[in-house]
C-alpha atoms as a PDB file:
ATOM      1  CA  UNK A   1     -11.621  -8.704  -5.316  1.00  0.00           C
ATOM      2  CA  UNK A   2     -12.608 -10.485  -2.117  1.00  0.00           C
ATOM      3  CA  UNK A   3      -8.934 -10.840  -1.196  1.00  0.00           C
ATOM      4  CA  UNK A   4      -8.293  -7.143  -1.848  1.00  0.00           C
ATOM      5  CA  UNK A   5     -11.278  -6.199   0.306  1.00  0.00           C
ATOM      6  CA  UNK A   6     -10.028  -8.476   3.100  1.00  0.00           C
ATOM      7  CA  UNK A   7      -6.616  -6.804   2.893  1.00  0.00           C
ATOM      8  CA  UNK A   8      -7.996  -3.259   2.968  1.00  0.00           C
ATOM      9  CA  UNK A   9     -10.279  -3.961   5.925  1.00  0.00           C
ATOM     10  CA  UNK A  10      -7.469  -5.700   7.807  1.00  0.00           C
ATOM     11  CA  UNK A  11      -5.035  -2.810   7.216  1.00  0.00           C
ATOM     12  CA  UNK A  12      -7.607  -0.338   8.518  1.00  0.00           C
ATOM     13  CA  UNK A  13      -8.361  -2.457  11.592  1.00  0.00           C
ATOM     14  CA  UNK A  14      -4.810  -3.534  12.429  1.00  0.00           C
ATOM     15  CA  UNK A  15      -2.941  -0.335  11.388  1.00  0.00           C
ATOM     16  CA  UNK A  16      -0.135  -2.404   9.894  1.00  0.00           C
ATOM     17  CA  UNK A  17       0.857  -3.803   6.509  1.00  0.00           C
ATOM     18  CA  UNK A  18       2.495  -6.955   7.897  1.00  0.00           C
ATOM     19  CA  UNK A  19       0.883  -9.900   6.123  1.00  0.00           C
ATOM     20  CA  UNK A  20       1.509 -12.086   9.171  1.00  0.00           C
ATOM     21  CA  UNK A  21      -0.626  -9.799  11.345  1.00  0.00           C
ATOM     22  CA  UNK A  22      -3.178  -9.133   8.633  1.00  0.00           C
ATOM     23  CA  UNK A  23      -3.731 -12.844   8.023  1.00  0.00           C
ATOM     24  CA  UNK A  24      -5.042 -13.196  11.592  1.00  0.00           C
ATOM     25  CA  UNK A  25      -7.679 -10.475  11.142  1.00  0.00           C
ATOM     26  CA  UNK A  26     -10.172 -11.571   8.434  1.00  0.00           C
ATOM     27  CA  UNK A  27     -13.447 -12.953   9.689  1.00  0.00           C
ATOM     28  CA  UNK A  28     -13.138 -16.329   8.034  1.00  0.00           C
ATOM     29  CA  UNK A  29     -13.046 -19.921   9.178  1.00  0.00           C
ATOM     30  CA  UNK A  30      -9.850 -20.540   7.213  1.00  0.00           C
ATOM     31  CA  UNK A  31      -6.602 -21.080   9.083  1.00  0.00           C
ATOM     32  CA  UNK A  32      -4.478 -17.921   9.353  1.00  0.00           C
ATOM     33  CA  UNK A  33      -1.664 -19.719   7.478  1.00  0.00           C
ATOM     34  CA  UNK A  34      -4.049 -20.273   4.544  1.00  0.00           C
ATOM     35  CA  UNK A  35      -5.087 -16.616   4.600  1.00  0.00           C
ATOM     36  CA  UNK A  36      -1.417 -15.573   4.735  1.00  0.00           C
ATOM     37  CA  UNK A  37      -0.651 -17.741   1.686  1.00  0.00           C
ATOM     38  CA  UNK A  38      -3.693 -16.288  -0.103  1.00  0.00           C
ATOM     39  CA  UNK A  39      -2.390 -12.776   0.515  1.00  0.00           C
ATOM     40  CA  UNK A  40       1.030 -13.817  -0.821  1.00  0.00           C
ATOM     41  CA  UNK A  41      -0.545 -15.244  -3.999  1.00  0.00           C
ATOM     42  CA  UNK A  42      -2.580 -12.069  -4.411  1.00  0.00           C
ATOM     43  CA  UNK A  43       0.556  -9.908  -4.472  1.00  0.00           C
ATOM     44  CA  UNK A  44       2.413 -12.402  -6.670  1.00  0.00           C
ATOM     45  CA  UNK A  45      -0.331 -12.734  -9.283  1.00  0.00           C
ATOM     46  CA  UNK A  46      -2.463  -9.579  -9.176  1.00  0.00           C
ATOM     47  CA  UNK A  47      -1.349  -6.645 -11.289  1.00  0.00           C
ATOM     48  CA  UNK A  48      -3.092  -3.354 -10.578  1.00  0.00           C
ATOM     49  CA  UNK A  49      -2.911  -0.876 -13.473  1.00  0.00           C
ATOM     50  CA  UNK A  50      -0.712   2.036 -12.363  1.00  0.00           C
ATOM     51  CA  UNK A  51      -2.792   4.699 -14.088  1.00  0.00           C
ATOM     52  CA  UNK A  52      -6.009   3.449 -12.486  1.00  0.00           C
ATOM     53  CA  UNK A  53      -4.407   3.403  -9.030  1.00  0.00           C
ATOM     54  CA  UNK A  54      -3.036   6.913  -9.580  1.00  0.00           C
ATOM     55  CA  UNK A  55      -6.417   8.217 -10.679  1.00  0.00           C
ATOM     56  CA  UNK A  56      -8.076   6.626  -7.655  1.00  0.00           C
ATOM     57  CA  UNK A  57      -5.590   8.217  -5.252  1.00  0.00           C
ATOM     58  CA  UNK A  58      -5.952  11.636  -6.890  1.00  0.00           C
ATOM     59  CA  UNK A  59      -9.738  11.344  -6.759  1.00  0.00           C
ATOM     60  CA  UNK A  60      -9.627  10.559  -3.020  1.00  0.00           C
ATOM     61  CA  UNK A  61      -7.186  13.334  -2.062  1.00  0.00           C
ATOM     62  CA  UNK A  62      -8.590  16.874  -2.210  1.00  0.00           C
ATOM     63  CA  UNK A  63      -6.441  19.165  -4.346  1.00  0.00           C
ATOM     64  CA  UNK A  64      -5.119  22.177  -2.402  1.00  0.00           C
ATOM     65  CA  UNK A  65      -5.767  25.637  -3.855  1.00  0.00           C
ATOM     66  CA  UNK A  66      -2.055  26.166  -4.443  1.00  0.00           C
ATOM     67  CA  UNK A  67      -1.524  22.673  -5.915  1.00  0.00           C
ATOM     68  CA  UNK A  68       0.395  19.683  -4.594  1.00  0.00           C
ATOM     69  CA  UNK A  69       3.961  19.592  -3.360  1.00  0.00           C
ATOM     70  CA  UNK A  70       5.620  16.367  -4.479  1.00  0.00           C
ATOM     71  CA  UNK A  71       8.680  14.617  -3.046  1.00  0.00           C
ATOM     72  CA  UNK A  72      10.633  11.922  -4.869  1.00  0.00           C
ATOM     73  CA  UNK A  73      13.038   9.380  -3.387  1.00  0.00           C
ATOM     74  CA  UNK A  74      15.164   6.730  -5.037  1.00  0.00           C
ATOM     75  CA  UNK A  75      16.913   3.956  -3.161  1.00  0.00           C
ATOM     76  CA  UNK A  76      18.848   0.820  -4.052  1.00  0.00           C
ATOM     77  CA  UNK A  77      19.033  -2.244  -1.813  1.00  0.00           C
ATOM     78  CA  UNK A  78      20.746  -5.563  -2.151  1.00  0.00           C
ATOM     79  CA  UNK A  79      18.827  -8.556  -0.815  1.00  0.00           C
ATOM     80  CA  UNK A  80      21.271 -11.433  -1.065  1.00  0.00           C
ATOM     81  CA  UNK A  81      22.335 -11.396  -4.719  1.00  0.00           C
ATOM     82  CA  UNK A  82      19.204  -9.598  -5.849  1.00  0.00           C
ATOM     83  CA  UNK A  83      19.405  -5.857  -6.443  1.00  0.00           C
ATOM     84  CA  UNK A  84      16.228  -3.922  -5.625  1.00  0.00           C
ATOM     85  CA  UNK A  85      15.699  -0.395  -6.961  1.00  0.00           C
ATOM     86  CA  UNK A  86      12.768   1.628  -5.619  1.00  0.00           C
ATOM     87  CA  UNK A  87      11.429   4.956  -6.815  1.00  0.00           C
ATOM     88  CA  UNK A  88       8.829   6.636  -4.601  1.00  0.00           C
ATOM     89  CA  UNK A  89       6.710   9.677  -5.320  1.00  0.00           C
ATOM     90  CA  UNK A  90       4.840  11.268  -2.413  1.00  0.00           C
ATOM     91  CA  UNK A  91       2.759  14.344  -1.869  1.00  0.00           C
ATOM     92  CA  UNK A  92       3.644  16.629   1.032  1.00  0.00           C
ATOM     93  CA  UNK A  93       0.886  17.845   3.347  1.00  0.00           C
ATOM     94  CA  UNK A  94       1.009  21.302   4.855  1.00  0.00           C
ATOM     95  CA  UNK A  95      -0.349  21.848   8.325  1.00  0.00           C
ATOM     96  CA  UNK A  96      -0.414  25.415   9.645  1.00  0.00           C
ATOM     97  CA  UNK A  97       2.437  26.547   7.368  1.00  0.00           C
ATOM     98  CA  UNK A  98       4.776  23.762   8.428  1.00  0.00           C
ATOM     99  CA  UNK A  99       5.808  20.957   6.141  1.00  0.00           C
ATOM    100  CA  UNK A 100       5.388  17.525   7.702  1.00  0.00           C
END
């Protein structure tokens, strides 16, 4: 969990999700290239349970009185010969009767 904590703190401080930039942030004596590789291994090897992540997000986001508005997006990319299919589900925030 130390690596996850380093990632979260770096994202908050740097306002980016670029691992190259995030690897320069942690307060450690390790070389930034070593931290970058550690972050890569974390994403390659760590599997977060989807239900637990979903419950955490729902616990952190206050539920509006009229419920959530959800938006779904599906996209397909081709990266070289590899096909990548992504399915996103987002909640829509309302601010003064306008949808952002």
